[in-house]
Amino acid sequence: MTEIVLTQDSVRVQLTAVEKVVTIHGDVSVPRSAIRGVEIVEDALAATRGLRVGLGLPGVRKLGTWHRRSGKEFVDVRQGQPAVRVLLSGDDFSALLLGTDDPQSLAAALAPETA
C-alpha cells in the first residue's frame, strides 16, 4: 500500500515494488513550495480525467500518471475512498490525487502556508 510521507520541505508518495511496476514510475516527491492549493475530493475515481499510463480498473482502482491538457496528474485512488487533490506549480506534475481515509487531516497538513 502506498505511503504518504510529509516532511518540512517535501511530500513523498512512496510506492510498493508492485505499484512501481504497474505505474512505470518510481516514488513521487514534490517540494512543499510547489503546493499552490489543496482540495478534498469525495469521489476520487470519478475525479480522474485524461489518458493514463498505469493501472485503471474501472470502478475499483486507479494508479499512475494521467495526462490532460492542463498537465500531468499523479493518481493513487481506490473505490469508496475519498482523496485529496494537491495542486502544484513549477513541478513535473500539475497535481497529485491521493486517496486517504482521513482527507481532512491530510488536506490540513498539506495546505500551503499563507504569509
C-alpha atoms as a PDB file:
ATOM      1  CA  MET A   1       0.000   0.000   0.000  1.00  0.00           C
ATOM      2  CA  THR A   2       1.207   3.467  -0.868  1.00  0.00           C
ATOM      3  CA  GLU A   3       2.587   5.597   1.959  1.00  0.00           C
ATOM      4  CA  ILE A   4       2.435   9.400   2.016  1.00  0.00           C
ATOM      5  CA  VAL A   5       5.430  10.861   3.849  1.00  0.00           C
ATOM      6  CA  LEU A   6       5.337  14.529   4.844  1.00  0.00           C
ATOM      7  CA  THR A   7       8.460  16.420   5.838  1.00  0.00           C
ATOM      8  CA  GLN A   8       9.023  20.099   6.448  1.00  0.00           C
ATOM      9  CA  ASP A   9      10.302  20.538   2.884  1.00  0.00           C
ATOM     10  CA  SER A  10       8.597  17.870   0.772  1.00  0.00           C
ATOM     11  CA  VAL A  11       5.721  15.500   0.127  1.00  0.00           C
ATOM     12  CA  ARG A  12       6.740  11.990  -0.895  1.00  0.00           C
ATOM     13  CA  VAL A  13       4.446   9.303  -2.263  1.00  0.00           C
ATOM     14  CA  GLN A  14       6.215   6.002  -1.587  1.00  0.00           C
ATOM     15  CA  LEU A  15       5.017   3.185  -3.831  1.00  0.00           C
ATOM     16  CA  THR A  16       5.388  -0.539  -3.230  1.00  0.00           C
ATOM     17  CA  ALA A  17       7.524  -2.549  -5.654  1.00  0.00           C
ATOM     18  CA  VAL A  18       4.408  -3.830  -7.460  1.00  0.00           C
ATOM     19  CA  GLU A  19       2.955  -0.305  -7.712  1.00  0.00           C
ATOM     20  CA  LYS A  20       6.218   0.933  -9.234  1.00  0.00           C
ATOM     21  CA  VAL A  21       5.993  -1.744 -11.935  1.00  0.00           C
ATOM     22  CA  VAL A  22       2.317  -1.035 -12.671  1.00  0.00           C
ATOM     23  CA  THR A  23       2.779   2.739 -12.841  1.00  0.00           C
ATOM     24  CA  ILE A  24       6.078   2.586 -14.729  1.00  0.00           C
ATOM     25  CA  HIS A  25       7.168   5.209 -12.212  1.00  0.00           C
ATOM     26  CA  GLY A  26       9.198   5.423  -9.035  1.00  0.00           C
ATOM     27  CA  ASP A  27       8.284   7.229  -5.841  1.00  0.00           C
ATOM     28  CA  VAL A  28       6.914  10.733  -6.376  1.00  0.00           C
ATOM     29  CA  SER A  29       8.438  13.604  -4.417  1.00  0.00           C
ATOM     30  CA  VAL A  30       7.470  17.264  -4.665  1.00  0.00           C
ATOM     31  CA  PRO A  31       8.725  20.257  -2.699  1.00  0.00           C
ATOM     32  CA  ARG A  32       6.193  21.868  -0.382  1.00  0.00           C
ATOM     33  CA  SER A  33       6.997  25.191  -2.043  1.00  0.00           C
ATOM     34  CA  ALA A  34       5.316  23.847  -5.221  1.00  0.00           C
ATOM     35  CA  ILE A  35       1.940  23.377  -3.466  1.00  0.00           C
ATOM     36  CA  ARG A  36      -0.487  26.110  -4.512  1.00  0.00           C
ATOM     37  CA  GLY A  37      -3.698  24.587  -3.219  1.00  0.00           C
ATOM     38  CA  VAL A  38      -5.428  21.563  -1.722  1.00  0.00           C
ATOM     39  CA  GLU A  39      -8.973  20.293  -2.169  1.00  0.00           C
ATOM     40  CA  ILE A  40     -10.909  17.317  -0.815  1.00  0.00           C
ATOM     41  CA  VAL A  41     -12.497  15.071  -3.443  1.00  0.00           C
ATOM     42  CA  GLU A  42     -15.287  12.777  -2.234  1.00  0.00           C
ATOM     43  CA  ASP A  43     -15.462  10.584  -5.379  1.00  0.00           C
ATOM     44  CA  ALA A  44     -11.833  10.233  -6.385  1.00  0.00           C
ATOM     45  CA  LEU A  45     -12.422   7.592  -9.066  1.00  0.00           C
ATOM     46  CA  ALA A  46     -14.830   9.907 -10.898  1.00  0.00           C
ATOM     47  CA  ALA A  47     -12.491  12.891 -10.480  1.00  0.00           C
ATOM     48  CA  THR A  48      -9.745  11.244 -12.531  1.00  0.00           C
ATOM     49  CA  ARG A  49      -9.703  12.522 -16.125  1.00  0.00           C
ATOM     50  CA  GLY A  50      -7.422  12.147 -19.122  1.00  0.00           C
ATOM     51  CA  LEU A  51      -5.259   9.461 -20.677  1.00  0.00           C
ATOM     52  CA  ARG A  52      -3.306   7.227 -18.359  1.00  0.00           C
ATOM     53  CA  VAL A  53      -0.033   5.437 -18.021  1.00  0.00           C
ATOM     54  CA  GLY A  54      -0.594   2.949 -15.239  1.00  0.00           C
ATOM     55  CA  LEU A  55      -3.370   0.869 -13.737  1.00  0.00           C
ATOM     56  CA  GLY A  56      -7.037   1.579 -14.369  1.00  0.00           C
ATOM     57  CA  LEU A  57      -9.518  -0.977 -13.029  1.00  0.00           C
ATOM     58  CA  PRO A  58     -12.926   0.635 -13.724  1.00  0.00           C
ATOM     59  CA  GLY A  59     -14.799   1.306 -10.509  1.00  0.00           C
ATOM     60  CA  VAL A  60     -12.053  -0.225  -8.337  1.00  0.00           C
ATOM     61  CA  ARG A  61      -8.588   1.366  -8.555  1.00  0.00           C
ATOM     62  CA  LYS A  62      -6.626   3.973 -10.468  1.00  0.00           C
ATOM     63  CA  LEU A  63      -2.886   4.337 -10.098  1.00  0.00           C
ATOM     64  CA  GLY A  64      -0.379   6.123 -12.308  1.00  0.00           C
ATOM     65  CA  THR A  65       0.027   9.245 -14.402  1.00  0.00           C
ATOM     66  CA  TRP A  66      -2.994  10.801 -16.087  1.00  0.00           C
ATOM     67  CA  HIS A  67      -2.284  13.227 -18.937  1.00  0.00           C
ATOM     68  CA  ARG A  68      -4.592  16.195 -19.563  1.00  0.00           C
ATOM     69  CA  ARG A  69      -4.329  19.446 -21.452  1.00  0.00           C
ATOM     70  CA  SER A  70      -3.742  21.195 -18.139  1.00  0.00           C
ATOM     71  CA  GLY A  71      -0.777  18.929 -17.339  1.00  0.00           C
ATOM     72  CA  LYS A  72       0.030  15.615 -15.723  1.00  0.00           C
ATOM     73  CA  GLU A  73      -1.650  14.361 -12.568  1.00  0.00           C
ATOM     74  CA  PHE A  74      -0.261  11.532 -10.441  1.00  0.00           C
ATOM     75  CA  VAL A  75      -3.216   9.447  -9.239  1.00  0.00           C
ATOM     76  CA  ASP A  76      -3.447   6.872  -6.453  1.00  0.00           C
ATOM     77  CA  VAL A  77      -7.104   6.215  -5.546  1.00  0.00           C
ATOM     78  CA  ARG A  78      -9.386   3.314  -4.588  1.00  0.00           C
ATOM     79  CA  GLN A  79     -13.105   2.613  -4.678  1.00  0.00           C
ATOM     80  CA  GLY A  80     -15.038   4.079  -1.747  1.00  0.00           C
ATOM     81  CA  GLN A  81     -12.111   6.150  -0.509  1.00  0.00           C
ATOM     82  CA  PRO A  82     -12.085   9.954  -0.608  1.00  0.00           C
ATOM     83  CA  ALA A  83      -8.981  11.746  -1.799  1.00  0.00           C
ATOM     84  CA  VAL A  84      -7.039  14.963  -1.603  1.00  0.00           C
ATOM     85  CA  ARG A  85      -6.064  16.784  -4.790  1.00  0.00           C
ATOM     86  CA  VAL A  86      -2.829  18.719  -4.331  1.00  0.00           C
ATOM     87  CA  LEU A  87      -2.474  21.482  -6.928  1.00  0.00           C
ATOM     88  CA  LEU A  88       1.134  22.148  -7.912  1.00  0.00           C
ATOM     89  CA  SER A  89       3.107  24.756  -9.818  1.00  0.00           C
ATOM     90  CA  GLY A  90       6.601  24.554 -11.223  1.00  0.00           C
ATOM     91  CA  ASP A  91       6.826  20.779 -10.876  1.00  0.00           C
ATOM     92  CA  ASP A  92       6.749  17.777 -13.222  1.00  0.00           C
ATOM     93  CA  PHE A  93       3.114  17.201 -12.205  1.00  0.00           C
ATOM     94  CA  SER A  94       0.338  19.793 -12.188  1.00  0.00           C
ATOM     95  CA  ALA A  95      -1.460  17.873  -9.422  1.00  0.00           C
ATOM     96  CA  LEU A  96      -1.469  14.819  -7.178  1.00  0.00           C
ATOM     97  CA  LEU A  97      -4.721  12.955  -6.456  1.00  0.00           C
ATOM     98  CA  LEU A  98      -4.117  10.835  -3.354  1.00  0.00           C
ATOM     99  CA  GLY A  99      -6.650   8.519  -1.744  1.00  0.00           C
ATOM    100  CA  THR A 100      -6.825   8.645   2.044  1.00  0.00           C
ATOM    101  CA  ASP A 101      -9.160   7.530   4.819  1.00  0.00           C
ATOM    102  CA  ASP A 102      -8.791  10.915   6.553  1.00  0.00           C
ATOM    103  CA  PRO A 103      -8.872  13.616   3.865  1.00  0.00           C
ATOM    104  CA  GLN A 104      -9.450  16.486   6.301  1.00  0.00           C
ATOM    105  CA  SER A 105      -6.247  15.783   8.230  1.00  0.00           C
ATOM    106  CA  LEU A 106      -4.167  15.265   5.098  1.00  0.00           C
ATOM    107  CA  ALA A 107      -5.560  18.426   3.485  1.00  0.00           C
ATOM    108  CA  ALA A 108      -4.791  20.448   6.619  1.00  0.00           C
ATOM    109  CA  ALA A 109      -1.240  19.067   6.760  1.00  0.00           C
ATOM    110  CA  LEU A 110      -0.649  19.865   3.073  1.00  0.00           C
ATOM    111  CA  ALA A 111      -2.286  23.285   2.886  1.00  0.00           C
ATOM    112  CA  PRO A 112       0.195  25.927   1.752  1.00  0.00           C
ATOM    113  CA  GLU A 113       1.206  28.416   4.414  1.00  0.00           C
ATOM    114  CA  THR A 114      -0.072  31.937   3.962  1.00  0.00           C
ATOM    115  CA  ALA A 115       2.188  34.792   4.914  1.00  0.00           C
END
